[in-house]
Amino acid sequence: MEMTHTPIPKEEIELFRQLKDLKVIFDVGARTDVDYLEIWPESQHYLFEPNPEFFKELQEKIEGKTNVHALNYGLGDRNGEMGYQNGLQSFVDSWITNNPKVEGNVVVTTKTLDTYIHENGIEQIDFLKIDTEGYEIKVLLGTTGWFHIIKFIQYEHWGKYNNLMIKGLLSEDFDTYDVGYRNVFCMNKNLVSEEERNGLSTYITEHKLAELV
């Protein structure tokens, strides 16, 4: 079964282009996308993709790039193994409803971002994108002790209640803005200057990103 996915929308890419001085970029649920790498080719990129077919194609795209770290496992709220449905590109206990009849069920490794940061001495994350088909809140629950080193987060959500849960988790540290379709852009109130936050807020408003569907 050939795997496909929707590319990152151009509006989200243009918002990403507005960000400054991104030295460390984490893409959780990278699939085969290298858009961020093309925009910031000299930055350190960490690409997490548990799907073996996507990962193989991703590896081919980044071959020879020493500043890009591709990891063939998922991030979540615990370390271990988890059932993964290739057809839905999601973990079995994700927010979305999983259909046991979907073909391609496999078992993949998961880690918390907390574990990865400890193991690899990560001191800052300038941009963290999470698009994990309903598993976003689990990724963030495995990250909560490190919000103080993350400048920007962009995540996908699965409905109003799910989004309220995630925004509640982030509310103490981040300003949050709805952008694009089911996506939320977050700015760390302690790491991003008020001037830059105001500028990005104005960009989001002027380009009507909250109205995109």
N, C-alpha and C. Protein backbone atom coordinates (compact mmCIF):
# COMPACT_ATOMS: atom_id res chain seq x y z
N MET A 1 0.84 -1.20 0.00
CA MET A 1 0.00 0.00 0.00
C MET A 1 0.88 1.25 0.00
N GLU A 2 0.76 2.09 -1.06
CA GLU A 2 1.58 3.29 -1.16
C GLU A 2 1.08 4.33 -0.17
N MET A 3 2.02 4.92 0.58
CA MET A 3 1.67 5.91 1.60
C MET A 3 1.70 7.30 0.99
N THR A 4 0.67 8.11 1.29
CA THR A 4 0.62 9.49 0.85
C THR A 4 0.24 10.38 2.02
N HIS A 5 0.53 11.68 1.90
CA HIS A 5 0.13 12.62 2.93
C HIS A 5 -0.03 13.99 2.31
N THR A 6 -0.70 14.87 3.03
CA THR A 6 -0.93 16.23 2.55
C THR A 6 0.30 17.10 2.84
N PRO A 7 0.83 17.79 1.86
CA PRO A 7 1.98 18.67 2.09
C PRO A 7 1.63 19.80 3.07
N ILE A 8 2.64 20.41 3.66
CA ILE A 8 2.41 21.55 4.55
C ILE A 8 1.80 22.68 3.73
N PRO A 9 0.66 23.24 4.15
CA PRO A 9 0.02 24.33 3.39
C PRO A 9 0.94 25.54 3.24
N LYS A 10 0.82 26.23 2.12
CA LYS A 10 1.69 27.37 1.84
C LYS A 10 1.54 28.48 2.87
N GLU A 11 0.33 28.65 3.43
CA GLU A 11 0.13 29.70 4.43
C GLU A 11 0.95 29.42 5.69
N GLU A 12 1.05 28.15 6.07
CA GLU A 12 1.86 27.78 7.23
C GLU A 12 3.34 27.97 6.94
N ILE A 13 3.75 27.68 5.72
CA ILE A 13 5.15 27.89 5.34
C ILE A 13 5.49 29.37 5.37
N GLU A 14 4.58 30.23 4.90
CA GLU A 14 4.84 31.66 4.90
C GLU A 14 4.91 32.21 6.32
N LEU A 15 4.10 31.69 7.23
CA LEU A 15 4.20 32.09 8.64
C LEU A 15 5.55 31.66 9.20
N PHE A 16 5.97 30.46 8.87
CA PHE A 16 7.27 29.96 9.32
C PHE A 16 8.40 30.87 8.82
N ARG A 17 8.27 31.39 7.61
CA ARG A 17 9.30 32.27 7.04
C ARG A 17 9.44 33.57 7.82
N GLN A 18 8.42 33.94 8.60
CA GLN A 18 8.48 35.18 9.37
C GLN A 18 9.34 35.04 10.63
N LEU A 19 9.66 33.81 11.02
CA LEU A 19 10.41 33.58 12.25
C LEU A 19 11.88 33.88 12.04
N LYS A 20 12.54 34.31 13.11
CA LYS A 20 13.93 34.74 13.03
C LYS A 20 14.85 33.84 13.85
N ASP A 21 16.07 33.69 13.36
CA ASP A 21 17.15 33.07 14.12
C ASP A 21 16.78 31.69 14.66
N LEU A 22 16.32 30.81 13.78
CA LEU A 22 15.97 29.45 14.18
C LEU A 22 17.20 28.55 14.04
N LYS A 23 17.81 28.23 15.15
CA LYS A 23 19.01 27.39 15.13
C LYS A 23 18.69 25.91 15.29
N VAL A 24 17.61 25.60 16.04
CA VAL A 24 17.26 24.21 16.34
C VAL A 24 15.78 24.00 16.04
N ILE A 25 15.48 23.10 15.11
CA ILE A 25 14.12 22.86 14.65
C ILE A 25 13.77 21.39 14.86
N PHE A 26 12.67 21.13 15.55
CA PHE A 26 12.17 19.77 15.77
C PHE A 26 10.88 19.59 14.97
N ASP A 27 10.83 18.56 14.15
CA ASP A 27 9.64 18.25 13.35
C ASP A 27 9.15 16.87 13.76
N VAL A 28 8.08 16.83 14.52
CA VAL A 28 7.54 15.58 15.05
C VAL A 28 6.35 15.17 14.17
N GLY A 29 6.52 14.05 13.48
CA GLY A 29 5.57 13.67 12.45
C GLY A 29 6.00 14.30 11.13
N ALA A 30 7.28 14.14 10.80
CA ALA A 30 7.86 14.82 9.64
C ALA A 30 7.36 14.26 8.31
N ARG A 31 6.99 12.96 8.30
CA ARG A 31 6.65 12.26 7.07
C ARG A 31 7.82 12.40 6.08
N THR A 32 7.60 12.95 4.91
CA THR A 32 8.71 13.10 3.96
C THR A 32 9.01 14.58 3.68
N ASP A 33 8.48 15.46 4.51
CA ASP A 33 8.61 16.90 4.27
C ASP A 33 9.99 17.42 4.65
N VAL A 34 10.56 18.24 3.78
CA VAL A 34 11.84 18.90 4.07
C VAL A 34 11.72 20.42 3.85
N ASP A 35 10.50 20.94 3.93
CA ASP A 35 10.27 22.37 3.69
C ASP A 35 11.05 23.23 4.66
N TYR A 36 11.04 22.87 5.93
CA TYR A 36 11.74 23.67 6.94
C TYR A 36 13.25 23.65 6.67
N LEU A 37 13.74 22.50 6.24
CA LEU A 37 15.17 22.37 5.93
C LEU A 37 15.56 23.26 4.76
N GLU A 38 14.70 23.37 3.78
CA GLU A 38 15.00 24.20 2.61
C GLU A 38 15.04 25.68 3.00
N ILE A 39 14.23 26.09 3.97
CA ILE A 39 14.19 27.49 4.39
C ILE A 39 15.35 27.81 5.33
N TRP A 40 15.70 26.87 6.22
CA TRP A 40 16.81 27.05 7.17
C TRP A 40 17.81 25.91 6.98
N PRO A 41 18.57 25.92 5.88
CA PRO A 41 19.45 24.79 5.55
C PRO A 41 20.64 24.61 6.48
N GLU A 42 21.03 25.65 7.22
CA GLU A 42 22.19 25.55 8.10
C GLU A 42 21.82 25.23 9.54
N SER A 43 20.55 25.23 9.87
CA SER A 43 20.12 24.95 11.24
C SER A 43 20.22 23.46 11.55
N GLN A 44 20.13 23.13 12.83
CA GLN A 44 20.06 21.74 13.26
C GLN A 44 18.60 21.29 13.17
N HIS A 45 18.35 20.21 12.45
CA HIS A 45 16.99 19.71 12.26
C HIS A 45 16.88 18.30 12.86
N TYR A 46 15.82 18.08 13.62
CA TYR A 46 15.54 16.78 14.22
C TYR A 46 14.18 16.33 13.69
N LEU A 47 14.19 15.26 12.89
CA LEU A 47 12.99 14.81 12.20
C LEU A 47 12.55 13.46 12.76
N PHE A 48 11.38 13.42 13.37
CA PHE A 48 10.85 12.20 13.98
C PHE A 48 9.74 11.65 13.09
N GLU A 49 9.90 10.41 12.64
CA GLU A 49 8.89 9.78 11.79
C GLU A 49 8.87 8.27 12.03
N PRO A 50 7.80 7.76 12.68
CA PRO A 50 7.74 6.33 12.99
C PRO A 50 7.36 5.45 11.80
N ASN A 51 6.69 6.02 10.80
CA ASN A 51 6.24 5.23 9.67
C ASN A 51 7.45 4.79 8.82
N PRO A 52 7.69 3.49 8.68
CA PRO A 52 8.90 3.02 8.00
C PRO A 52 8.99 3.43 6.54
N GLU A 53 7.85 3.51 5.85
CA GLU A 53 7.87 3.89 4.43
C GLU A 53 8.21 5.37 4.28
N PHE A 54 7.59 6.22 5.07
CA PHE A 54 7.91 7.64 5.04
C PHE A 54 9.37 7.87 5.42
N PHE A 55 9.82 7.13 6.44
CA PHE A 55 11.17 7.33 6.94
C PHE A 55 12.21 7.00 5.87
N LYS A 56 11.98 5.94 5.13
CA LYS A 56 12.91 5.55 4.07
C LYS A 56 13.05 6.67 3.05
N GLU A 57 11.93 7.26 2.63
CA GLU A 57 11.97 8.35 1.65
C GLU A 57 12.62 9.58 2.25
N LEU A 58 12.35 9.83 3.53
CA LEU A 58 12.95 10.98 4.21
C LEU A 58 14.47 10.85 4.26
N GLN A 59 14.95 9.66 4.59
CA GLN A 59 16.39 9.42 4.63
C GLN A 59 17.06 9.71 3.29
N GLU A 60 16.41 9.34 2.21
CA GLU A 60 16.97 9.58 0.88
C GLU A 60 17.09 11.07 0.61
N LYS A 61 16.13 11.85 1.09
CA LYS A 61 16.14 13.29 0.84
C LYS A 61 17.23 14.02 1.62
N ILE A 62 17.60 13.48 2.78
CA ILE A 62 18.55 14.20 3.65
C ILE A 62 19.94 13.56 3.65
N GLU A 63 20.16 12.61 2.77
CA GLU A 63 21.44 11.88 2.75
C GLU A 63 22.61 12.85 2.64
N GLY A 64 23.59 12.66 3.53
CA GLY A 64 24.80 13.47 3.50
C GLY A 64 24.72 14.77 4.26
N LYS A 65 23.57 15.10 4.81
CA LYS A 65 23.40 16.36 5.57
C LYS A 65 23.67 16.08 7.05
N THR A 66 24.83 16.51 7.53
CA THR A 66 25.23 16.20 8.90
C THR A 66 24.48 17.02 9.95
N ASN A 67 23.79 18.06 9.52
CA ASN A 67 23.02 18.89 10.46
C ASN A 67 21.57 18.43 10.58
N VAL A 68 21.25 17.30 9.95
CA VAL A 68 19.88 16.78 9.99
C VAL A 68 19.90 15.41 10.65
N HIS A 69 19.07 15.25 11.67
CA HIS A 69 19.01 14.01 12.45
C HIS A 69 17.63 13.39 12.25
N ALA A 70 17.57 12.29 11.53
CA ALA A 70 16.31 11.61 11.27
C ALA A 70 16.15 10.43 12.23
N LEU A 71 15.02 10.37 12.93
CA LEU A 71 14.78 9.35 13.95
C LEU A 71 13.55 8.54 13.57
N ASN A 72 13.72 7.22 13.46
CA ASN A 72 12.63 6.36 13.03
C ASN A 72 11.84 5.83 14.23
N TYR A 73 11.30 6.76 15.01
CA TYR A 73 10.38 6.40 16.09
C TYR A 73 9.49 7.59 16.39
N GLY A 74 8.48 7.33 17.20
CA GLY A 74 7.55 8.39 17.53
C GLY A 74 7.84 9.00 18.89
N LEU A 75 7.27 10.17 19.12
CA LEU A 75 7.32 10.80 20.44
C LEU A 75 5.94 10.74 21.07
N GLY A 76 5.93 10.55 22.40
CA GLY A 76 4.67 10.48 23.11
C GLY A 76 4.86 10.78 24.58
N ASP A 77 3.99 10.21 25.41
CA ASP A 77 4.04 10.49 26.85
C ASP A 77 4.72 9.39 27.65
N ARG A 78 5.31 8.40 26.94
CA ARG A 78 6.04 7.33 27.64
C ARG A 78 7.01 6.65 26.68
N ASN A 79 8.00 6.00 27.26
CA ASN A 79 8.97 5.24 26.48
C ASN A 79 8.50 3.79 26.35
N GLY A 80 8.70 3.21 25.19
CA GLY A 80 8.32 1.81 25.03
C GLY A 80 7.94 1.50 23.60
N GLU A 81 6.91 0.67 23.43
CA GLU A 81 6.42 0.31 22.11
C GLU A 81 4.93 0.60 22.04
N MET A 82 4.47 0.92 20.85
CA MET A 82 3.08 1.31 20.67
C MET A 82 2.57 0.78 19.34
N GLY A 83 1.31 0.36 19.31
CA GLY A 83 0.69 -0.01 18.05
C GLY A 83 0.51 1.22 17.17
N TYR A 84 0.76 1.06 15.88
CA TYR A 84 0.68 2.17 14.94
C TYR A 84 -0.07 1.70 13.70
N GLN A 85 -1.05 2.50 13.26
CA GLN A 85 -1.83 2.13 12.08
C GLN A 85 -1.33 2.93 10.88
N ASN A 86 -0.69 2.23 9.96
CA ASN A 86 -0.14 2.89 8.79
C ASN A 86 -1.21 3.62 7.98
N GLY A 87 -2.38 3.01 7.85
CA GLY A 87 -3.43 3.61 7.03
C GLY A 87 -3.89 4.96 7.54
N LEU A 88 -3.90 5.13 8.87
CA LEU A 88 -4.31 6.39 9.48
C LEU A 88 -3.12 7.25 9.89
N GLN A 89 -1.91 6.68 9.79
CA GLN A 89 -0.68 7.38 10.17
C GLN A 89 -0.77 7.89 11.61
N SER A 90 -1.28 7.02 12.50
CA SER A 90 -1.49 7.43 13.88
C SER A 90 -1.32 6.25 14.83
N PHE A 91 -1.08 6.58 16.10
CA PHE A 91 -0.96 5.55 17.13
C PHE A 91 -2.34 5.08 17.57
N VAL A 92 -2.38 3.87 18.12
CA VAL A 92 -3.68 3.26 18.41
C VAL A 92 -4.44 3.96 19.53
N ASP A 93 -3.75 4.70 20.41
CA ASP A 93 -4.47 5.42 21.46
C ASP A 93 -4.44 6.93 21.21
N SER A 94 -4.40 7.32 19.92
CA SER A 94 -4.42 8.74 19.59
C SER A 94 -5.84 9.29 19.76
N TRP A 95 -5.97 10.60 19.59
CA TRP A 95 -7.26 11.26 19.81
C TRP A 95 -8.29 10.84 18.77
N ILE A 96 -7.85 10.59 17.54
CA ILE A 96 -8.81 10.25 16.49
C ILE A 96 -9.26 8.81 16.65
N THR A 97 -10.43 8.51 16.10
CA THR A 97 -10.97 7.16 16.16
C THR A 97 -10.19 6.25 15.22
N ASN A 98 -9.71 5.15 15.74
CA ASN A 98 -8.95 4.21 14.93
C ASN A 98 -9.82 3.03 14.51
N ASN A 99 -9.65 2.64 13.29
CA ASN A 99 -10.42 1.55 12.72
C ASN A 99 -9.58 0.28 12.71
N PRO A 100 -9.95 -0.73 13.48
CA PRO A 100 -9.13 -1.94 13.54
C PRO A 100 -9.03 -2.67 12.21
N LYS A 101 -9.87 -2.31 11.23
CA LYS A 101 -9.83 -2.97 9.94
C LYS A 101 -8.83 -2.32 8.98
N VAL A 102 -8.25 -1.18 9.39
CA VAL A 102 -7.28 -0.52 8.53
C VAL A 102 -6.06 -1.41 8.36
N GLU A 103 -5.58 -1.54 7.13
CA GLU A 103 -4.43 -2.40 6.87
C GLU A 103 -3.13 -1.74 7.32
N GLY A 104 -2.14 -2.58 7.61
CA GLY A 104 -0.80 -2.08 7.85
C GLY A 104 -0.47 -1.81 9.30
N ASN A 105 -1.18 -2.45 10.24
CA ASN A 105 -0.88 -2.24 11.65
C ASN A 105 0.51 -2.79 11.99
N VAL A 106 1.32 -1.99 12.71
CA VAL A 106 2.65 -2.39 13.10
C VAL A 106 2.89 -1.94 14.54
N VAL A 107 4.00 -2.37 15.11
CA VAL A 107 4.42 -1.91 16.43
C VAL A 107 5.68 -1.08 16.24
N VAL A 108 5.69 0.13 16.81
CA VAL A 108 6.84 1.02 16.66
C VAL A 108 7.31 1.49 18.03
N THR A 109 8.53 1.97 18.08
CA THR A 109 9.13 2.49 19.30
C THR A 109 8.65 3.92 19.55
N THR A 110 8.42 4.25 20.81
CA THR A 110 8.11 5.63 21.19
C THR A 110 9.03 6.07 22.32
N LYS A 111 9.32 7.36 22.35
CA LYS A 111 10.06 7.97 23.44
C LYS A 111 9.34 9.25 23.85
N THR A 112 9.68 9.77 25.01
CA THR A 112 9.23 11.11 25.35
C THR A 112 10.27 12.10 24.86
N LEU A 113 9.83 13.32 24.60
CA LEU A 113 10.79 14.36 24.23
C LEU A 113 11.70 14.66 25.41
N ASP A 114 11.17 14.52 26.62
CA ASP A 114 11.98 14.67 27.83
C ASP A 114 13.19 13.73 27.78
N THR A 115 12.96 12.47 27.42
CA THR A 115 14.04 11.49 27.33
C THR A 115 15.05 11.89 26.26
N TYR A 116 14.54 12.30 25.09
CA TYR A 116 15.44 12.65 24.00
C TYR A 116 16.31 13.85 24.37
N ILE A 117 15.74 14.83 25.03
CA ILE A 117 16.49 16.01 25.44
C ILE A 117 17.60 15.61 26.42
N HIS A 118 17.26 14.77 27.40
CA HIS A 118 18.26 14.30 28.37
C HIS A 118 19.37 13.53 27.69
N GLU A 119 19.01 12.61 26.82
CA GLU A 119 19.99 11.72 26.19
C GLU A 119 20.93 12.46 25.24
N ASN A 120 20.47 13.57 24.68
CA ASN A 120 21.24 14.23 23.62
C ASN A 120 21.70 15.64 23.99
N GLY A 121 21.49 16.03 25.23
CA GLY A 121 22.00 17.32 25.70
C GLY A 121 21.43 18.51 24.95
N ILE A 122 20.15 18.46 24.59
CA ILE A 122 19.51 19.57 23.88
C ILE A 122 19.30 20.73 24.85
N GLU A 123 19.79 21.90 24.47
CA GLU A 123 19.69 23.07 25.34
C GLU A 123 18.65 24.08 24.88
N GLN A 124 18.23 23.99 23.62
CA GLN A 124 17.21 24.90 23.13
C GLN A 124 16.48 24.26 21.97
N ILE A 125 15.22 24.62 21.82
CA ILE A 125 14.42 24.24 20.66
C ILE A 125 13.75 25.53 20.20
N ASP A 126 14.11 25.99 19.03
CA ASP A 126 13.56 27.26 18.56
C ASP A 126 12.19 27.09 17.92
N PHE A 127 11.96 25.94 17.29
CA PHE A 127 10.66 25.69 16.66
C PHE A 127 10.34 24.21 16.80
N LEU A 128 9.18 23.92 17.36
CA LEU A 128 8.73 22.54 17.53
C LEU A 128 7.40 22.38 16.81
N LYS A 129 7.40 21.59 15.73
CA LYS A 129 6.17 21.31 15.02
C LYS A 129 5.68 19.91 15.39
N ILE A 130 4.39 19.79 15.69
CA ILE A 130 3.82 18.49 16.05
C ILE A 130 2.60 18.24 15.18
N ASP A 131 2.69 17.24 14.32
CA ASP A 131 1.57 16.83 13.48
C ASP A 131 1.53 15.31 13.50
N THR A 132 0.80 14.77 14.48
CA THR A 132 0.87 13.33 14.75
C THR A 132 -0.51 12.67 14.73
N GLU A 133 -1.43 13.25 13.96
CA GLU A 133 -2.74 12.65 13.73
C GLU A 133 -3.45 12.26 15.02
N GLY A 134 -3.61 13.23 15.91
CA GLY A 134 -4.36 13.00 17.14
C GLY A 134 -3.52 12.65 18.35
N TYR A 135 -2.20 12.55 18.19
CA TYR A 135 -1.32 12.19 19.29
C TYR A 135 -0.59 13.40 19.87
N GLU A 136 -0.97 14.60 19.42
CA GLU A 136 -0.25 15.82 19.79
C GLU A 136 -0.20 16.04 21.29
N ILE A 137 -1.31 15.84 21.98
CA ILE A 137 -1.31 16.11 23.42
C ILE A 137 -0.40 15.14 24.16
N LYS A 138 -0.28 13.90 23.66
CA LYS A 138 0.63 12.94 24.28
C LYS A 138 2.09 13.40 24.11
N VAL A 139 2.40 13.94 22.93
CA VAL A 139 3.75 14.45 22.71
C VAL A 139 4.05 15.58 23.69
N LEU A 140 3.09 16.48 23.86
CA LEU A 140 3.29 17.62 24.76
C LEU A 140 3.35 17.20 26.22
N LEU A 141 2.60 16.18 26.60
CA LEU A 141 2.67 15.68 27.98
C LEU A 141 4.04 15.09 28.28
N GLY A 142 4.71 14.60 27.25
CA GLY A 142 6.06 14.08 27.42
C GLY A 142 7.13 15.16 27.29
N THR A 143 6.69 16.42 27.27
CA THR A 143 7.60 17.55 27.03
C THR A 143 7.48 18.61 28.11
N THR A 144 6.51 18.49 29.02
CA THR A 144 6.12 19.60 29.88
C THR A 144 7.27 20.18 30.70
N GLY A 145 8.24 19.39 31.08
CA GLY A 145 9.35 19.91 31.88
C GLY A 145 10.32 20.77 31.10
N TRP A 146 10.09 20.90 29.78
CA TRP A 146 11.05 21.60 28.92
C TRP A 146 10.44 22.76 28.15
N PHE A 147 9.25 23.19 28.51
CA PHE A 147 8.65 24.32 27.81
C PHE A 147 9.52 25.57 27.89
N HIS A 148 10.33 25.65 28.95
CA HIS A 148 11.14 26.85 29.15
C HIS A 148 12.28 26.98 28.14
N ILE A 149 12.55 25.94 27.34
CA ILE A 149 13.61 26.04 26.33
C ILE A 149 13.04 26.11 24.91
N ILE A 150 11.73 26.12 24.76
CA ILE A 150 11.09 26.08 23.45
C ILE A 150 10.51 27.46 23.10
N LYS A 151 10.97 28.06 22.01
CA LYS A 151 10.50 29.39 21.63
C LYS A 151 9.13 29.35 20.96
N PHE A 152 8.99 28.48 19.96
CA PHE A 152 7.74 28.42 19.20
C PHE A 152 7.27 26.97 19.10
N ILE A 153 5.96 26.79 19.18
CA ILE A 153 5.35 25.48 18.95
C ILE A 153 4.23 25.68 17.93
N GLN A 154 4.14 24.76 16.98
CA GLN A 154 2.96 24.70 16.12
C GLN A 154 2.43 23.28 16.17
N TYR A 155 1.16 23.14 16.49
CA TYR A 155 0.57 21.80 16.59
C TYR A 155 -0.76 21.74 15.85
N GLU A 156 -1.11 20.53 15.47
CA GLU A 156 -2.41 20.26 14.88
C GLU A 156 -3.33 19.75 15.99
N HIS A 157 -4.61 20.07 15.90
CA HIS A 157 -5.56 19.57 16.90
C HIS A 157 -6.72 18.86 16.21
N TRP A 158 -7.47 18.13 17.01
CA TRP A 158 -8.58 17.33 16.48
C TRP A 158 -9.89 17.70 17.17
N GLY A 159 -10.36 18.92 16.94
CA GLY A 159 -11.64 19.35 17.47
C GLY A 159 -11.51 20.33 18.62
N LYS A 160 -12.61 20.99 18.93
CA LYS A 160 -12.64 22.07 19.92
C LYS A 160 -12.17 21.60 21.30
N TYR A 161 -12.70 20.47 21.79
CA TYR A 161 -12.35 20.02 23.13
C TYR A 161 -10.87 19.63 23.22
N ASN A 162 -10.40 18.93 22.20
CA ASN A 162 -8.99 18.55 22.16
C ASN A 162 -8.10 19.79 22.15
N ASN A 163 -8.49 20.80 21.38
CA ASN A 163 -7.71 22.04 21.31
C ASN A 163 -7.71 22.77 22.64
N LEU A 164 -8.86 22.80 23.33
CA LEU A 164 -8.93 23.45 24.64
C LEU A 164 -8.02 22.75 25.65
N MET A 165 -7.95 21.44 25.59
CA MET A 165 -7.06 20.68 26.48
C MET A 165 -5.60 21.08 26.25
N ILE A 166 -5.21 21.15 24.99
CA ILE A 166 -3.81 21.46 24.67
C ILE A 166 -3.50 22.91 25.04
N LYS A 167 -4.41 23.82 24.71
CA LYS A 167 -4.17 25.23 25.06
C LYS A 167 -4.07 25.41 26.57
N GLY A 168 -4.86 24.65 27.32
CA GLY A 168 -4.77 24.72 28.77
C GLY A 168 -3.41 24.27 29.28
N LEU A 169 -2.87 23.25 28.65
CA LEU A 169 -1.55 22.74 29.03
C LEU A 169 -0.47 23.78 28.76
N LEU A 170 -0.64 24.57 27.70
CA LEU A 170 0.39 25.52 27.27
C LEU A 170 0.19 26.94 27.81
N SER A 171 -0.97 27.21 28.38
CA SER A 171 -1.38 28.59 28.65
C SER A 171 -0.44 29.37 29.56
N GLU A 172 0.22 28.73 30.49
CA GLU A 172 1.09 29.45 31.41
C GLU A 172 2.33 29.99 30.71
N ASP A 173 2.82 29.28 29.71
CA ASP A 173 4.09 29.64 29.07
C ASP A 173 3.95 30.29 27.70
N PHE A 174 2.82 30.06 27.01
CA PHE A 174 2.71 30.46 25.62
C PHE A 174 1.47 31.29 25.32
N ASP A 175 1.62 32.25 24.39
CA ASP A 175 0.48 32.87 23.72
C ASP A 175 0.13 31.97 22.56
N THR A 176 -1.16 31.70 22.35
CA THR A 176 -1.56 30.77 21.31
C THR A 176 -2.50 31.44 20.31
N TYR A 177 -2.34 31.08 19.03
CA TYR A 177 -3.13 31.67 17.95
C TYR A 177 -3.56 30.56 16.99
N ASP A 178 -4.84 30.52 16.65
CA ASP A 178 -5.32 29.59 15.64
C ASP A 178 -4.81 30.03 14.28
N VAL A 179 -4.22 29.11 13.54
CA VAL A 179 -3.71 29.41 12.20
C VAL A 179 -4.01 28.23 11.28
N GLY A 180 -4.41 28.51 10.09
CA GLY A 180 -4.62 27.43 9.14
C GLY A 180 -5.75 26.50 9.57
N TYR A 181 -5.73 25.33 9.02
CA TYR A 181 -6.78 24.35 9.28
C TYR A 181 -6.37 23.45 10.45
N ARG A 182 -7.06 23.60 11.60
CA ARG A 182 -6.81 22.79 12.80
C ARG A 182 -5.38 22.96 13.33
N ASN A 183 -4.75 24.09 13.07
CA ASN A 183 -3.40 24.31 13.56
C ASN A 183 -3.36 25.50 14.52
N VAL A 184 -2.45 25.41 15.48
CA VAL A 184 -2.29 26.47 16.47
C VAL A 184 -0.80 26.82 16.55
N PHE A 185 -0.52 28.12 16.53
CA PHE A 185 0.84 28.64 16.61
C PHE A 185 1.03 29.26 17.99
N CYS A 186 2.14 28.89 18.67
CA CYS A 186 2.36 29.28 20.06
C CYS A 186 3.71 29.98 20.20
N MET A 187 3.71 31.08 20.97
CA MET A 187 4.93 31.85 21.20
C MET A 187 5.24 31.91 22.68
N ASN A 188 6.45 31.51 23.05
CA ASN A 188 6.85 31.50 24.46
C ASN A 188 6.96 32.93 24.97
N LYS A 189 6.18 33.24 26.01
CA LYS A 189 6.13 34.60 26.54
C LYS A 189 7.42 35.03 27.20
N ASN A 190 8.27 34.10 27.57
CA ASN A 190 9.53 34.42 28.23
C ASN A 190 10.72 34.44 27.27
N LEU A 191 10.60 33.76 26.12
CA LEU A 191 11.72 33.64 25.19
C LEU A 191 11.57 34.52 23.95
N VAL A 192 10.35 34.88 23.61
CA VAL A 192 10.10 35.71 22.43
C VAL A 192 9.74 37.11 22.90
N SER A 193 10.45 38.10 22.41
CA SER A 193 10.23 39.47 22.87
C SER A 193 8.81 39.93 22.56
N GLU A 194 8.34 40.90 23.34
CA GLU A 194 7.00 41.43 23.12
C GLU A 194 6.88 42.04 21.73
N GLU A 195 7.94 42.69 21.27
CA GLU A 195 7.92 43.27 19.94
C GLU A 195 7.74 42.21 18.86
N GLU A 196 8.47 41.10 18.99
CA GLU A 196 8.35 40.04 17.98
C GLU A 196 6.99 39.36 18.07
N ARG A 197 6.50 39.15 19.27
CA ARG A 197 5.18 38.53 19.43
C ARG A 197 4.09 39.42 18.82
N ASN A 198 4.20 40.71 19.04
CA ASN A 198 3.21 41.63 18.46
C ASN A 198 3.28 41.62 16.94
N GLY A 199 4.51 41.57 16.40
CA GLY A 199 4.66 41.54 14.95
C GLY A 199 4.06 40.28 14.33
N LEU A 200 4.28 39.15 14.97
CA LEU A 200 3.73 37.89 14.46
C LEU A 200 2.21 37.85 14.62
N SER A 201 1.71 38.38 15.73
CA SER A 201 0.26 38.46 15.94
C SER A 201 -0.39 39.31 14.85
N THR A 202 0.25 40.42 14.52
CA THR A 202 -0.26 41.29 13.45
C THR A 202 -0.26 40.56 12.12
N TYR A 203 0.80 39.82 11.83
CA TYR A 203 0.88 39.05 10.58
C TYR A 203 -0.27 38.04 10.50
N ILE A 204 -0.51 37.33 11.60
CA ILE A 204 -1.58 36.33 11.64
C ILE A 204 -2.94 36.98 11.40
N THR A 205 -3.16 38.15 12.00
CA THR A 205 -4.43 38.85 11.84
C THR A 205 -4.60 39.39 10.43
N GLU A 206 -3.56 40.07 9.92
CA GLU A 206 -3.65 40.69 8.60
C GLU A 206 -3.84 39.66 7.49
N HIS A 207 -3.26 38.48 7.68
CA HIS A 207 -3.39 37.44 6.65
C HIS A 207 -4.56 36.49 6.93
N LYS A 208 -5.34 36.82 7.95
CA LYS A 208 -6.57 36.09 8.26
C LYS A 208 -6.34 34.59 8.38
N LEU A 209 -5.23 34.23 9.04
CA LEU A 209 -4.87 32.82 9.14
C LEU A 209 -5.86 32.02 9.98
N ALA A 210 -6.52 32.70 10.92
CA ALA A 210 -7.49 31.99 11.76
C ALA A 210 -8.74 31.60 11.00
N GLU A 211 -8.92 32.20 9.83
CA GLU A 211 -10.13 31.94 9.05
C GLU A 211 -9.93 30.85 8.00
N LEU A 212 -8.70 30.37 7.85
CA LEU A 212 -8.41 29.37 6.84
C LEU A 212 -9.06 28.03 7.19
N VAL A 213 -9.58 27.36 6.20
CA VAL A 213 -10.17 26.03 6.42
C VAL A 213 -9.63 25.07 5.37
